Amino acid sequence: MIQEQGNKKIEALLEAVKKDFNAEEVIAHLKEIREIARAERNPALVKICRLAYTYIEENGHFDIEFLDEEEGLDMSDFEYLLELMIHSDREANLQEIREIRDLLTEELYG
């Protein structure tokens, strides 16, 4: 994100989900972050936020099996997505956000 306010909201959400994944709180935070992304005119983040909270509303979790256990990352798919969103100005991160977007789109509407 461009605005520090947006990154602070993402970082706060990241810290919260490391302790406990409360679907209702996560959805509320994602909706706030989506509005900041909309104000920044960042369509990739607007879309991924909507898809993520829609997926969570329908499933109660965000276990999309995106991360490969062989990668050795000690985080959930949702934590990984938030890390990508914080640094969405990096092309590699934006590409992975797009991959998650496509996966969610297929899961939700395919």
PDB file of N, CA and C in Angstrom:
ATOM      1  N   MET A   1       0.839  -1.179   0.000  1.00  0.00           N
ATOM      2  CA  MET A   1       0.000   0.000   0.000  1.00  0.00           C
ATOM      3  C   MET A   1       0.885   1.243   0.000  1.00  0.00           C
ATOM      4  N   ILE A   2       0.301   2.320  -0.411  1.00  0.00           N
ATOM      5  CA  ILE A   2       1.037   3.572  -0.473  1.00  0.00           C
ATOM      6  C   ILE A   2       0.942   4.307   0.863  1.00  0.00           C
ATOM      7  N   GLN A   3      -0.261   4.441   1.365  1.00  0.00           N
ATOM      8  CA  GLN A   3      -0.477   5.190   2.597  1.00  0.00           C
ATOM      9  C   GLN A   3      -0.026   4.394   3.810  1.00  0.00           C
ATOM     10  N   GLU A   4       0.622   5.085   4.718  1.00  0.00           N
ATOM     11  CA  GLU A   4       1.069   4.458   5.961  1.00  0.00           C
ATOM     12  C   GLU A   4      -0.124   3.939   6.759  1.00  0.00           C
ATOM     13  N   GLN A   5      -1.236   4.654   6.695  1.00  0.00           N
ATOM     14  CA  GLN A   5      -2.457   4.246   7.403  1.00  0.00           C
ATOM     15  C   GLN A   5      -2.892   2.845   6.966  1.00  0.00           C
ATOM     16  N   GLY A   6      -2.844   2.586   5.674  1.00  0.00           N
ATOM     17  CA  GLY A   6      -3.236   1.279   5.157  1.00  0.00           C
ATOM     18  C   GLY A   6      -2.309   0.182   5.630  1.00  0.00           C
ATOM     19  N   ASN A   7      -0.998   0.448   5.577  1.00  0.00           N
ATOM     20  CA  ASN A   7      -0.042  -0.560   6.026  1.00  0.00           C
ATOM     21  C   ASN A   7      -0.172  -0.819   7.524  1.00  0.00           C
ATOM     22  N   LYS A   8      -0.461   0.218   8.288  1.00  0.00           N
ATOM     23  CA  LYS A   8      -0.636   0.024   9.737  1.00  0.00           C
ATOM     24  C   LYS A   8      -1.848  -0.865  10.013  1.00  0.00           C
ATOM     25  N   LYS A   9      -2.913  -0.692   9.246  1.00  0.00           N
ATOM     26  CA  LYS A   9      -4.102  -1.542   9.419  1.00  0.00           C
ATOM     27  C   LYS A   9      -3.790  -2.988   9.046  1.00  0.00           C
ATOM     28  N   ILE A  10      -3.034  -3.172   7.977  1.00  0.00           N
ATOM     29  CA  ILE A  10      -2.657  -4.526   7.574  1.00  0.00           C
ATOM     30  C   ILE A  10      -1.752  -5.152   8.633  1.00  0.00           C
ATOM     31  N   GLU A  11      -0.775  -4.390   9.119  1.00  0.00           N
ATOM     32  CA  GLU A  11       0.134  -4.907  10.146  1.00  0.00           C
ATOM     33  C   GLU A  11      -0.615  -5.260  11.427  1.00  0.00           C
ATOM     34  N   ALA A  12      -1.586  -4.434  11.816  1.00  0.00           N
ATOM     35  CA  ALA A  12      -2.384  -4.724  13.010  1.00  0.00           C
ATOM     36  C   ALA A  12      -3.200  -6.003  12.816  1.00  0.00           C
ATOM     37  N   LEU A  13      -3.756  -6.161  11.634  1.00  0.00           N
ATOM     38  CA  LEU A  13      -4.517  -7.372  11.338  1.00  0.00           C
ATOM     39  C   LEU A  13      -3.596  -8.590  11.352  1.00  0.00           C
ATOM     40  N   LEU A  14      -2.409  -8.447  10.812  1.00  0.00           N
ATOM     41  CA  LEU A  14      -1.445  -9.538  10.797  1.00  0.00           C
ATOM     42  C   LEU A  14      -1.105  -9.983  12.220  1.00  0.00           C
ATOM     43  N   GLU A  15      -0.858  -9.037  13.089  1.00  0.00           N
ATOM     44  CA  GLU A  15      -0.551  -9.370  14.487  1.00  0.00           C
ATOM     45  C   GLU A  15      -1.735 -10.049  15.165  1.00  0.00           C
ATOM     46  N   ALA A  16      -2.934  -9.577  14.879  1.00  0.00           N
ATOM     47  CA  ALA A  16      -4.132 -10.162  15.486  1.00  0.00           C
ATOM     48  C   ALA A  16      -4.337 -11.611  15.039  1.00  0.00           C
ATOM     49  N   VAL A  17      -4.161 -11.891  13.745  1.00  0.00           N
ATOM     50  CA  VAL A  17      -4.417 -13.250  13.260  1.00  0.00           C
ATOM     51  C   VAL A  17      -3.315 -14.222  13.660  1.00  0.00           C
ATOM     52  N   LYS A  18      -2.152 -13.708  14.000  1.00  0.00           N
ATOM     53  CA  LYS A  18      -1.098 -14.593  14.513  1.00  0.00           C
ATOM     54  C   LYS A  18      -1.504 -15.163  15.864  1.00  0.00           C
ATOM     55  N   LYS A  19      -2.311 -14.392  16.604  1.00  0.00           N
ATOM     56  CA  LYS A  19      -2.775 -14.836  17.916  1.00  0.00           C
ATOM     57  C   LYS A  19      -4.050 -15.660  17.802  1.00  0.00           C
ATOM     58  N   ASP A  20      -4.997 -15.167  17.016  1.00  0.00           N
ATOM     59  CA  ASP A  20      -6.296 -15.829  16.892  1.00  0.00           C
ATOM     60  C   ASP A  20      -6.991 -15.344  15.626  1.00  0.00           C
ATOM     61  N   PHE A  21      -7.501 -16.276  14.845  1.00  0.00           N
ATOM     62  CA  PHE A  21      -8.217 -15.931  13.618  1.00  0.00           C
ATOM     63  C   PHE A  21      -9.708 -15.825  13.948  1.00  0.00           C
ATOM     64  N   ASN A  22     -10.180 -14.601  14.136  1.00  0.00           N
ATOM     65  CA  ASN A  22     -11.594 -14.347  14.382  1.00  0.00           C
ATOM     66  C   ASN A  22     -12.188 -13.864  13.062  1.00  0.00           C
ATOM     67  N   ALA A  23     -12.974 -14.711  12.430  1.00  0.00           N
ATOM     68  CA  ALA A  23     -13.475 -14.427  11.078  1.00  0.00           C
ATOM     69  C   ALA A  23     -14.201 -13.091  10.999  1.00  0.00           C
ATOM     70  N   GLU A  24     -15.064 -12.781  11.960  1.00  0.00           N
ATOM     71  CA  GLU A  24     -15.827 -11.525  11.908  1.00  0.00           C
ATOM     72  C   GLU A  24     -14.905 -10.315  11.972  1.00  0.00           C
ATOM     73  N   GLU A  25     -13.907 -10.363  12.847  1.00  0.00           N
ATOM     74  CA  GLU A  25     -12.967  -9.248  12.959  1.00  0.00           C
ATOM     75  C   GLU A  25     -12.116  -9.124  11.703  1.00  0.00           C
ATOM     76  N   VAL A  26     -11.691 -10.248  11.171  1.00  0.00           N
ATOM     77  CA  VAL A  26     -10.873 -10.232   9.955  1.00  0.00           C
ATOM     78  C   VAL A  26     -11.654  -9.611   8.805  1.00  0.00           C
ATOM     79  N   ILE A  27     -12.902 -10.002   8.665  1.00  0.00           N
ATOM     80  CA  ILE A  27     -13.746  -9.458   7.594  1.00  0.00           C
ATOM     81  C   ILE A  27     -13.903  -7.950   7.748  1.00  0.00           C
ATOM     82  N   ALA A  28     -14.152  -7.488   8.969  1.00  0.00           N
ATOM     83  CA  ALA A  28     -14.303  -6.050   9.212  1.00  0.00           C
ATOM     84  C   ALA A  28     -13.022  -5.300   8.848  1.00  0.00           C
ATOM     85  N   HIS A  29     -11.874  -5.840   9.233  1.00  0.00           N
ATOM     86  CA  HIS A  29     -10.602  -5.202   8.907  1.00  0.00           C
ATOM     87  C   HIS A  29     -10.364  -5.182   7.391  1.00  0.00           C
ATOM     88  N   LEU A  30     -10.666  -6.287   6.732  1.00  0.00           N
ATOM     89  CA  LEU A  30     -10.464  -6.336   5.279  1.00  0.00           C
ATOM     90  C   LEU A  30     -11.338  -5.314   4.555  1.00  0.00           C
ATOM     91  N   LYS A  31     -12.543  -5.109   5.055  1.00  0.00           N
ATOM     92  CA  LYS A  31     -13.414  -4.105   4.435  1.00  0.00           C
ATOM     93  C   LYS A  31     -12.840  -2.702   4.608  1.00  0.00           C
ATOM     94  N   GLU A  32     -12.244  -2.412   5.765  1.00  0.00           N
ATOM     95  CA  GLU A  32     -11.598  -1.113   5.986  1.00  0.00           C
ATOM     96  C   GLU A  32     -10.384  -0.953   5.067  1.00  0.00           C
ATOM     97  N   ILE A  33      -9.576  -1.994   4.994  1.00  0.00           N
ATOM     98  CA  ILE A  33      -8.385  -1.954   4.146  1.00  0.00           C
ATOM     99  C   ILE A  33      -8.789  -1.784   2.685  1.00  0.00           C
ATOM    100  N   ARG A  34      -9.870  -2.417   2.297  1.00  0.00           N
ATOM    101  CA  ARG A  34     -10.358  -2.301   0.914  1.00  0.00           C
ATOM    102  C   ARG A  34     -10.711  -0.856   0.578  1.00  0.00           C
ATOM    103  N   GLU A  35     -11.322  -0.160   1.512  1.00  0.00           N
ATOM    104  CA  GLU A  35     -11.678   1.243   1.258  1.00  0.00           C
ATOM    105  C   GLU A  35     -10.437   2.119   1.115  1.00  0.00           C
ATOM    106  N   ILE A  36      -9.405   1.828   1.892  1.00  0.00           N
ATOM    107  CA  ILE A  36      -8.147   2.576   1.755  1.00  0.00           C
ATOM    108  C   ILE A  36      -7.535   2.284   0.384  1.00  0.00           C
ATOM    109  N   ALA A  37      -7.541   1.017  -0.016  1.00  0.00           N
ATOM    110  CA  ALA A  37      -7.011   0.643  -1.336  1.00  0.00           C
ATOM    111  C   ALA A  37      -7.813   1.305  -2.447  1.00  0.00           C
ATOM    112  N   ARG A  38      -9.110   1.412  -2.249  1.00  0.00           N
ATOM    113  CA  ARG A  38      -9.957   2.081  -3.248  1.00  0.00           C
ATOM    114  C   ARG A  38      -9.569   3.552  -3.366  1.00  0.00           C
ATOM    115  N   ALA A  39      -9.331   4.204  -2.229  1.00  0.00           N
ATOM    116  CA  ALA A  39      -8.926   5.612  -2.246  1.00  0.00           C
ATOM    117  C   ALA A  39      -7.563   5.785  -2.923  1.00  0.00           C
ATOM    118  N   GLU A  40      -6.710   4.781  -2.792  1.00  0.00           N
ATOM    119  CA  GLU A  40      -5.392   4.809  -3.437  1.00  0.00           C
ATOM    120  C   GLU A  40      -5.464   4.431  -4.914  1.00  0.00           C
ATOM    121  N   ARG A  41      -6.635   4.021  -5.349  1.00  0.00           N
ATOM    122  CA  ARG A  41      -6.826   3.550  -6.725  1.00  0.00           C
ATOM    123  C   ARG A  41      -5.909   2.358  -7.030  1.00  0.00           C
ATOM    124  N   ASN A  42      -5.996   1.375  -6.126  1.00  0.00           N
ATOM    125  CA  ASN A  42      -5.197   0.163  -6.258  1.00  0.00           C
ATOM    126  C   ASN A  42      -6.144  -1.009  -6.501  1.00  0.00           C
ATOM    127  N   PRO A  43      -6.477  -1.273  -7.766  1.00  0.00           N
ATOM    128  CA  PRO A  43      -7.489  -2.288  -8.060  1.00  0.00           C
ATOM    129  C   PRO A  43      -7.110  -3.702  -7.614  1.00  0.00           C
ATOM    130  N   ALA A  44      -5.830  -4.021  -7.608  1.00  0.00           N
ATOM    131  CA  ALA A  44      -5.416  -5.368  -7.189  1.00  0.00           C
ATOM    132  C   ALA A  44      -5.754  -5.600  -5.718  1.00  0.00           C
ATOM    133  N   LEU A  45      -5.484  -4.603  -4.873  1.00  0.00           N
ATOM    134  CA  LEU A  45      -5.778  -4.764  -3.449  1.00  0.00           C
ATOM    135  C   LEU A  45      -7.268  -4.663  -3.159  1.00  0.00           C
ATOM    136  N   VAL A  46      -7.970  -3.828  -3.903  1.00  0.00           N
ATOM    137  CA  VAL A  46      -9.424  -3.746  -3.741  1.00  0.00           C
ATOM    138  C   VAL A  46     -10.036  -5.120  -4.004  1.00  0.00           C
ATOM    139  N   LYS A  47      -9.618  -5.734  -5.089  1.00  0.00           N
ATOM    140  CA  LYS A  47     -10.172  -7.030  -5.494  1.00  0.00           C
ATOM    141  C   LYS A  47      -9.790  -8.144  -4.520  1.00  0.00           C
ATOM    142  N   ILE A  48      -8.518  -8.202  -4.117  1.00  0.00           N
ATOM    143  CA  ILE A  48      -8.094  -9.293  -3.243  1.00  0.00           C
ATOM    144  C   ILE A  48      -8.755  -9.177  -1.878  1.00  0.00           C
ATOM    145  N   CYS A  49      -8.964  -7.973  -1.404  1.00  0.00           N
ATOM    146  CA  CYS A  49      -9.662  -7.806  -0.126  1.00  0.00           C
ATOM    147  C   CYS A  49     -11.097  -8.336  -0.230  1.00  0.00           C
ATOM    148  N   ARG A  50     -11.784  -7.975  -1.305  1.00  0.00           N
ATOM    149  CA  ARG A  50     -13.165  -8.438  -1.470  1.00  0.00           C
ATOM    150  C   ARG A  50     -13.234  -9.951  -1.599  1.00  0.00           C
ATOM    151  N   LEU A  51     -12.364 -10.512  -2.398  1.00  0.00           N
ATOM    152  CA  LEU A  51     -12.366 -11.960  -2.567  1.00  0.00           C
ATOM    153  C   LEU A  51     -12.022 -12.662  -1.259  1.00  0.00           C
ATOM    154  N   ALA A  52     -11.054 -12.128  -0.526  1.00  0.00           N
ATOM    155  CA  ALA A  52     -10.645 -12.746   0.738  1.00  0.00           C
ATOM    156  C   ALA A  52     -11.777 -12.721   1.750  1.00  0.00           C
ATOM    157  N   TYR A  53     -12.442 -11.555   1.911  1.00  0.00           N
ATOM    158  CA  TYR A  53     -13.507 -11.554   2.920  1.00  0.00           C
ATOM    159  C   TYR A  53     -14.728 -12.334   2.466  1.00  0.00           C
ATOM    160  N   THR A  54     -14.967 -12.409   1.171  1.00  0.00           N
ATOM    161  CA  THR A  54     -16.059 -13.243   0.673  1.00  0.00           C
ATOM    162  C   THR A  54     -15.768 -14.717   0.952  1.00  0.00           C
ATOM    163  N   TYR A  55     -14.533 -15.126   0.705  1.00  0.00           N
ATOM    164  CA  TYR A  55     -14.138 -16.509   0.972  1.00  0.00           C
ATOM    165  C   TYR A  55     -14.282 -16.832   2.464  1.00  0.00           C
ATOM    166  N   ILE A  56     -13.844 -15.917   3.304  1.00  0.00           N
ATOM    167  CA  ILE A  56     -13.934 -16.124   4.757  1.00  0.00           C
ATOM    168  C   ILE A  56     -15.388 -16.158   5.202  1.00  0.00           C
ATOM    169  N   GLU A  57     -16.227 -15.278   4.641  1.00  0.00           N
ATOM    170  CA  GLU A  57     -17.661 -15.298   4.973  1.00  0.00           C
ATOM    171  C   GLU A  57     -18.279 -16.648   4.643  1.00  0.00           C
ATOM    172  N   GLU A  58     -17.900 -17.217   3.514  1.00  0.00           N
ATOM    173  CA  GLU A  58     -18.489 -18.482   3.070  1.00  0.00           C
ATOM    174  C   GLU A  58     -17.917 -19.701   3.781  1.00  0.00           C
ATOM    175  N   ASN A  59     -16.638 -19.613   4.219  1.00  0.00           N
ATOM    176  CA  ASN A  59     -15.963 -20.794   4.746  1.00  0.00           C
ATOM    177  C   ASN A  59     -15.562 -20.699   6.217  1.00  0.00           C
ATOM    178  N   GLY A  60     -15.516 -19.502   6.758  1.00  0.00           N
ATOM    179  CA  GLY A  60     -15.128 -19.323   8.152  1.00  0.00           C
ATOM    180  C   GLY A  60     -13.629 -19.408   8.392  1.00  0.00           C
ATOM    181  N   HIS A  61     -12.855 -19.534   7.323  1.00  0.00           N
ATOM    182  CA  HIS A  61     -11.391 -19.628   7.421  1.00  0.00           C
ATOM    183  C   HIS A  61     -10.781 -19.155   6.105  1.00  0.00           C
ATOM    184  N   PHE A  62      -9.439 -19.174   6.057  1.00  0.00           N
ATOM    185  CA  PHE A  62      -8.730 -18.801   4.832  1.00  0.00           C
ATOM    186  C   PHE A  62      -7.637 -19.826   4.539  1.00  0.00           C
ATOM    187  N   ASP A  63      -7.990 -21.085   4.643  1.00  0.00           N
ATOM    188  CA  ASP A  63      -7.052 -22.162   4.353  1.00  0.00           C
ATOM    189  C   ASP A  63      -7.213 -22.564   2.889  1.00  0.00           C
ATOM    190  N   ILE A  64      -6.495 -21.860   2.021  1.00  0.00           N
ATOM    191  CA  ILE A  64      -6.664 -22.064   0.585  1.00  0.00           C
ATOM    192  C   ILE A  64      -5.568 -22.942  -0.020  1.00  0.00           C
ATOM    193  N   GLU A  65      -4.661 -23.418   0.817  1.00  0.00           N
ATOM    194  CA  GLU A  65      -3.570 -24.290   0.387  1.00  0.00           C
ATOM    195  C   GLU A  65      -2.723 -23.652  -0.710  1.00  0.00           C
ATOM    196  N   PHE A  66      -2.425 -22.372  -0.527  1.00  0.00           N
ATOM    197  CA  PHE A  66      -1.583 -21.661  -1.490  1.00  0.00           C
ATOM    198  C   PHE A  66      -0.105 -21.920  -1.228  1.00  0.00           C
ATOM    199  N   LEU A  67       0.270 -21.855   0.042  1.00  0.00           N
ATOM    200  CA  LEU A  67       1.675 -22.057   0.399  1.00  0.00           C
ATOM    201  C   LEU A  67       2.032 -23.532   0.335  1.00  0.00           C
ATOM    202  N   ASP A  68       3.162 -23.792  -0.224  1.00  0.00           N
ATOM    203  CA  ASP A  68       3.679 -25.149  -0.291  1.00  0.00           C
ATOM    204  C   ASP A  68       4.497 -25.392   0.976  1.00  0.00           C
ATOM    205  N   GLU A  69       4.222 -26.477   1.672  1.00  0.00           N
ATOM    206  CA  GLU A  69       4.936 -26.766   2.914  1.00  0.00           C
ATOM    207  C   GLU A  69       6.442 -26.866   2.690  1.00  0.00           C
ATOM    208  N   GLU A  70       6.855 -27.208   1.493  1.00  0.00           N
ATOM    209  CA  GLU A  70       8.279 -27.324   1.187  1.00  0.00           C
ATOM    210  C   GLU A  70       8.980 -25.967   1.182  1.00  0.00           C
ATOM    211  N   GLU A  71       8.216 -24.886   1.065  1.00  0.00           N
ATOM    212  CA  GLU A  71       8.820 -23.560   1.057  1.00  0.00           C
ATOM    213  C   GLU A  71       9.396 -23.199   2.417  1.00  0.00           C
ATOM    214  N   GLY A  72       8.965 -23.879   3.453  1.00  0.00           N
ATOM    215  CA  GLY A  72       9.516 -23.658   4.783  1.00  0.00           C
ATOM    216  C   GLY A  72       9.055 -22.384   5.459  1.00  0.00           C
ATOM    217  N   LEU A  73       7.999 -21.800   4.981  1.00  0.00           N
ATOM    218  CA  LEU A  73       7.479 -20.590   5.609  1.00  0.00           C
ATOM    219  C   LEU A  73       6.568 -20.980   6.763  1.00  0.00           C
ATOM    220  N   ASP A  74       6.808 -20.406   7.909  1.00  0.00           N
ATOM    221  CA  ASP A  74       6.035 -20.738   9.103  1.00  0.00           C
ATOM    222  C   ASP A  74       4.912 -19.721   9.281  1.00  0.00           C
ATOM    223  N   MET A  75       3.979 -19.731   8.337  1.00  0.00           N
ATOM    224  CA  MET A  75       2.838 -18.816   8.425  1.00  0.00           C
ATOM    225  C   MET A  75       1.669 -19.416   7.664  1.00  0.00           C
ATOM    226  N   SER A  76       0.500 -18.901   7.974  1.00  0.00           N
ATOM    227  CA  SER A  76      -0.716 -19.350   7.291  1.00  0.00           C
ATOM    228  C   SER A  76      -0.821 -18.669   5.932  1.00  0.00           C
ATOM    229  N   ASP A  77      -1.720 -19.181   5.116  1.00  0.00           N
ATOM    230  CA  ASP A  77      -1.977 -18.551   3.819  1.00  0.00           C
ATOM    231  C   ASP A  77      -2.405 -17.099   3.993  1.00  0.00           C
ATOM    232  N   PHE A  78      -3.227 -16.845   5.019  1.00  0.00           N
ATOM    233  CA  PHE A  78      -3.727 -15.490   5.224  1.00  0.00           C
ATOM    234  C   PHE A  78      -2.612 -14.558   5.683  1.00  0.00           C
ATOM    235  N   GLU A  79      -1.756 -15.029   6.572  1.00  0.00           N
ATOM    236  CA  GLU A  79      -0.628 -14.213   7.015  1.00  0.00           C
ATOM    237  C   GLU A  79       0.278 -13.883   5.828  1.00  0.00           C
ATOM    238  N   TYR A  80       0.483 -14.860   4.967  1.00  0.00           N
ATOM    239  CA  TYR A  80       1.306 -14.650   3.783  1.00  0.00           C
ATOM    240  C   TYR A  80       0.682 -13.598   2.867  1.00  0.00           C
ATOM    241  N   LEU A  81      -0.630 -13.682   2.661  1.00  0.00           N
ATOM    242  CA  LEU A  81      -1.311 -12.691   1.841  1.00  0.00           C
ATOM    243  C   LEU A  81      -1.136 -11.289   2.418  1.00  0.00           C
ATOM    244  N   LEU A  82      -1.289 -11.153   3.725  1.00  0.00           N
ATOM    245  CA  LEU A  82      -1.121  -9.836   4.347  1.00  0.00           C
ATOM    246  C   LEU A  82       0.298  -9.313   4.162  1.00  0.00           C
ATOM    247  N   GLU A  83       1.288 -10.180   4.290  1.00  0.00           N
ATOM    248  CA  GLU A  83       2.681  -9.768   4.049  1.00  0.00           C
ATOM    249  C   GLU A  83       2.845  -9.265   2.618  1.00  0.00           C
ATOM    250  N   LEU A  84       2.249  -9.962   1.672  1.00  0.00           N
ATOM    251  CA  LEU A  84       2.308  -9.525   0.276  1.00  0.00           C
ATOM    252  C   LEU A  84       1.642  -8.165   0.095  1.00  0.00           C
ATOM    253  N   MET A  85       0.523  -7.965   0.766  1.00  0.00           N
ATOM    254  CA  MET A  85      -0.217  -6.710   0.626  1.00  0.00           C
ATOM    255  C   MET A  85       0.573  -5.523   1.175  1.00  0.00           C
ATOM    256  N   ILE A  86       1.297  -5.735   2.258  1.00  0.00           N
ATOM    257  CA  ILE A  86       2.096  -4.643   2.839  1.00  0.00           C
ATOM    258  C   ILE A  86       3.117  -4.137   1.826  1.00  0.00           C
ATOM    259  N   HIS A  87       3.673  -5.065   1.048  1.00  0.00           N
ATOM    260  CA  HIS A  87       4.696  -4.701   0.064  1.00  0.00           C
ATOM    261  C   HIS A  87       4.187  -4.922  -1.362  1.00  0.00           C
ATOM    262  N   SER A  88       2.957  -4.512  -1.597  1.00  0.00           N
ATOM    263  CA  SER A  88       2.344  -4.734  -2.911  1.00  0.00           C
ATOM    264  C   SER A  88       2.951  -3.862  -4.002  1.00  0.00           C
ATOM    265  N   ASP A  89       3.822  -2.947  -3.637  1.00  0.00           N
ATOM    266  CA  ASP A  89       4.493  -2.128  -4.640  1.00  0.00           C
ATOM    267  C   ASP A  89       5.590  -2.914  -5.354  1.00  0.00           C
ATOM    268  N   ARG A  90       5.966  -4.073  -4.809  1.00  0.00           N
ATOM    269  CA  ARG A  90       6.964  -4.936  -5.443  1.00  0.00           C
ATOM    270  C   ARG A  90       6.262  -5.825  -6.468  1.00  0.00           C
ATOM    271  N   GLU A  91       6.798  -5.881  -7.658  1.00  0.00           N
ATOM    272  CA  GLU A  91       6.156  -6.628  -8.744  1.00  0.00           C
ATOM    273  C   GLU A  91       5.997  -8.112  -8.414  1.00  0.00           C
ATOM    274  N   ALA A  92       6.994  -8.712  -7.775  1.00  0.00           N
ATOM    275  CA  ALA A  92       6.899 -10.137  -7.416  1.00  0.00           C
ATOM    276  C   ALA A  92       5.736 -10.377  -6.453  1.00  0.00           C
ATOM    277  N   ASN A  93       5.556  -9.484  -5.512  1.00  0.00           N
ATOM    278  CA  ASN A  93       4.443  -9.614  -4.561  1.00  0.00           C
ATOM    279  C   ASN A  93       3.109  -9.415  -5.261  1.00  0.00           C
ATOM    280  N   LEU A  94       3.051  -8.454  -6.146  1.00  0.00           N
ATOM    281  CA  LEU A  94       1.824  -8.195  -6.888  1.00  0.00           C
ATOM    282  C   LEU A  94       1.457  -9.403  -7.747  1.00  0.00           C
ATOM    283  N   GLN A  95       2.446 -10.052  -8.309  1.00  0.00           N
ATOM    284  CA  GLN A  95       2.190 -11.260  -9.107  1.00  0.00           C
ATOM    285  C   GLN A  95       1.596 -12.368  -8.229  1.00  0.00           C
ATOM    286  N   GLU A  96       2.118 -12.546  -7.018  1.00  0.00           N
ATOM    287  CA  GLU A  96       1.572 -13.573  -6.133  1.00  0.00           C
ATOM    288  C   GLU A  96       0.168 -13.213  -5.668  1.00  0.00           C
ATOM    289  N   ILE A  97      -0.084 -11.928  -5.454  1.00  0.00           N
ATOM    290  CA  ILE A  97      -1.441 -11.484  -5.113  1.00  0.00           C
ATOM    291  C   ILE A  97      -2.394 -11.859  -6.245  1.00  0.00           C
ATOM    292  N   ARG A  98      -1.957 -11.670  -7.475  1.00  0.00           N
ATOM    293  CA  ARG A  98      -2.786 -12.044  -8.633  1.00  0.00           C
ATOM    294  C   ARG A  98      -3.044 -13.554  -8.669  1.00  0.00           C
ATOM    295  N   GLU A  99      -2.027 -14.345  -8.315  1.00  0.00           N
ATOM    296  CA  GLU A  99      -2.205 -15.798  -8.279  1.00  0.00           C
ATOM    297  C   GLU A  99      -3.234 -16.195  -7.214  1.00  0.00           C
ATOM    298  N   ILE A 100      -3.159 -15.555  -6.061  1.00  0.00           N
ATOM    299  CA  ILE A 100      -4.140 -15.823  -5.001  1.00  0.00           C
ATOM    300  C   ILE A 100      -5.521 -15.364  -5.451  1.00  0.00           C
ATOM    301  N   ARG A 101      -5.575 -14.218  -6.119  1.00  0.00           N
ATOM    302  CA  ARG A 101      -6.849 -13.725  -6.674  1.00  0.00           C
ATOM    303  C   ARG A 101      -7.471 -14.759  -7.593  1.00  0.00           C
ATOM    304  N   ASP A 102      -6.655 -15.313  -8.488  1.00  0.00           N
ATOM    305  CA  ASP A 102      -7.176 -16.305  -9.429  1.00  0.00           C
ATOM    306  C   ASP A 102      -7.651 -17.566  -8.707  1.00  0.00           C
ATOM    307  N   LEU A 103      -6.910 -17.997  -7.710  1.00  0.00           N
ATOM    308  CA  LEU A 103      -7.296 -19.165  -6.924  1.00  0.00           C
ATOM    309  C   LEU A 103      -8.625 -18.928  -6.205  1.00  0.00           C
ATOM    310  N   LEU A 104      -8.750 -17.765  -5.573  1.00  0.00           N
ATOM    311  CA  LEU A 104      -9.994 -17.440  -4.868  1.00  0.00           C
ATOM    312  C   LEU A 104     -11.167 -17.330  -5.830  1.00  0.00           C
ATOM    313  N   THR A 105     -10.940 -16.713  -6.980  1.00  0.00           N
ATOM    314  CA  THR A 105     -11.992 -16.577  -7.971  1.00  0.00           C
ATOM    315  C   THR A 105     -12.502 -17.944  -8.401  1.00  0.00           C
ATOM    316  N   GLU A 106     -11.568 -18.859  -8.648  1.00  0.00           N
ATOM    317  CA  GLU A 106     -11.945 -20.227  -9.029  1.00  0.00           C
ATOM    318  C   GLU A 106     -12.702 -20.923  -7.897  1.00  0.00           C
ATOM    319  N   GLU A 107     -12.223 -20.776  -6.681  1.00  0.00           N
ATOM    320  CA  GLU A 107     -12.877 -21.413  -5.527  1.00  0.00           C
ATOM    321  C   GLU A 107     -14.299 -20.885  -5.321  1.00  0.00           C
ATOM    322  N   LEU A 108     -14.454 -19.581  -5.469  1.00  0.00           N
ATOM    323  CA  LEU A 108     -15.733 -18.943  -5.181  1.00  0.00           C
ATOM    324  C   LEU A 108     -16.728 -19.048  -6.338  1.00  0.00           C
ATOM    325  N   TYR A 109     -16.238 -18.905  -7.566  1.00  0.00           N
ATOM    326  CA  TYR A 109     -17.151 -18.762  -8.689  1.00  0.00           C
ATOM    327  C   TYR A 109     -16.957 -19.822  -9.777  1.00  0.00           C
ATOM    328  N   GLY A 110     -15.944 -20.694  -9.595  1.00  0.00           N
ATOM    329  CA  GLY A 110     -15.620 -21.664 -10.639  1.00  0.00           C
ATOM    330  C   GLY A 110     -16.532 -22.823 -10.594  1.00  0.00           C
TER     331      GLY A 110
END
